[in-house]
Amino acid sequence: MSDDIFKDRHLSEDEETIEKTINYLKLNDPENANRNYAIGFLRFMERVAFQIEKKQDLNYDDFLREFKKSEQNNTDLAD
């Protein structure tokens, strides 16, 4: 991982970040605490990074809820 994590736009490719995300999911979303979901979550973060940088108060719980909602929408579209 780069020294300046806030400038790193490839977190979904960083093994350490993927493992930390899986650990976060184990606590907050145990049924989805797996590598593929973690990578998807990180990619979702990357897609909205520009908007997050402009927001001063980022609530990670709200962010996780939004990600789950986007995943459900993607699943609904695939059916």
Protein backbone atom coordinates (compact mmCIF):
# COMPACT_ATOMS: atom_id res chain seq x y z
CA MET A 1 0.00 0.00 0.00
CA SER A 2 1.26 3.47 -0.73
CA ASP A 3 2.44 5.75 2.06
CA ASP A 4 -0.48 8.10 1.42
CA ILE A 5 -3.57 5.90 1.58
CA PHE A 6 -5.90 8.78 0.77
CA LYS A 7 -4.23 9.21 -2.61
CA ASP A 8 -4.26 5.47 -3.39
CA ARG A 9 -7.05 4.77 -5.88
CA HIS A 10 -6.35 1.06 -6.25
CA LEU A 11 -7.31 -0.22 -2.81
CA SER A 12 -9.23 -3.16 -4.31
CA GLU A 13 -5.91 -4.50 -5.59
CA ASP A 14 -4.02 -4.18 -2.30
CA GLU A 15 -3.94 -7.44 -0.31
CA GLU A 16 -3.53 -5.75 3.06
CA THR A 17 -6.54 -3.51 2.41
CA ILE A 18 -8.63 -6.46 1.21
CA GLU A 19 -7.84 -8.38 4.42
CA LYS A 20 -8.69 -5.35 6.57
CA THR A 21 -11.96 -4.95 4.69
CA ILE A 22 -12.82 -8.60 5.30
CA ASN A 23 -12.17 -8.05 9.02
CA TYR A 24 -14.42 -4.98 8.96
CA LEU A 25 -17.13 -7.03 7.25
CA LYS A 26 -16.76 -9.83 9.82
CA LEU A 27 -17.82 -7.33 12.47
CA ASN A 28 -20.44 -5.40 10.50
CA ASP A 29 -21.76 -7.79 7.84
CA PRO A 30 -20.67 -11.34 8.73
CA GLU A 31 -22.66 -13.13 6.03
CA ASN A 32 -20.79 -11.16 3.35
CA ALA A 33 -17.33 -11.29 4.93
CA ASN A 34 -15.53 -12.85 1.99
CA ARG A 35 -12.86 -11.81 -0.50
CA ASN A 36 -15.13 -11.19 -3.48
CA TYR A 37 -17.55 -9.04 -1.49
CA ALA A 38 -14.66 -7.12 0.08
CA ILE A 39 -13.17 -6.38 -3.36
CA GLY A 40 -16.59 -5.26 -4.60
CA PHE A 41 -16.98 -3.03 -1.56
CA LEU A 42 -13.56 -1.48 -2.19
CA ARG A 43 -14.36 -0.93 -5.87
CA PHE A 44 -17.60 0.75 -4.85
CA MET A 45 -15.55 3.02 -2.60
CA GLU A 46 -13.22 3.80 -5.49
CA ARG A 47 -16.14 4.77 -7.74
CA VAL A 48 -17.41 7.31 -5.24
CA ALA A 49 -14.03 8.49 -3.90
CA PHE A 50 -14.31 11.88 -5.54
CA GLN A 51 -17.61 12.61 -3.79
CA ILE A 52 -16.34 11.31 -0.46
CA GLU A 53 -13.30 13.59 -0.60
CA LYS A 54 -15.64 16.57 -0.74
CA LYS A 55 -17.77 15.39 2.18
CA GLN A 56 -16.46 16.26 5.62
CA ASP A 57 -18.40 13.74 7.74
CA LEU A 58 -18.20 10.26 6.26
CA ASN A 59 -20.30 7.73 8.15
CA TYR A 60 -18.97 4.25 7.34
CA ASP A 61 -22.19 2.57 8.51
CA ASP A 62 -24.20 4.66 6.05
CA PHE A 63 -21.62 3.88 3.39
CA LEU A 64 -21.99 0.14 4.02
CA ARG A 65 -25.79 0.44 3.79
CA GLU A 66 -25.49 2.27 0.46
CA PHE A 67 -23.14 -0.41 -0.84
CA LYS A 68 -25.56 -3.16 0.18
CA LYS A 69 -28.35 -1.29 -1.58
CA SER A 70 -26.27 -1.01 -4.76
CA GLU A 71 -25.42 -4.73 -4.58
CA GLN A 72 -29.12 -5.59 -4.22
CA ASN A 73 -29.97 -3.36 -7.19
CA ASN A 74 -27.30 -5.14 -9.25
CA THR A 75 -28.69 -8.53 -8.21
CA ASP A 76 -32.22 -7.44 -9.11
CA LEU A 77 -31.05 -6.31 -12.53
CA ALA A 78 -29.28 -9.61 -13.17
CA ASP A 79 -32.43 -11.67 -12.39
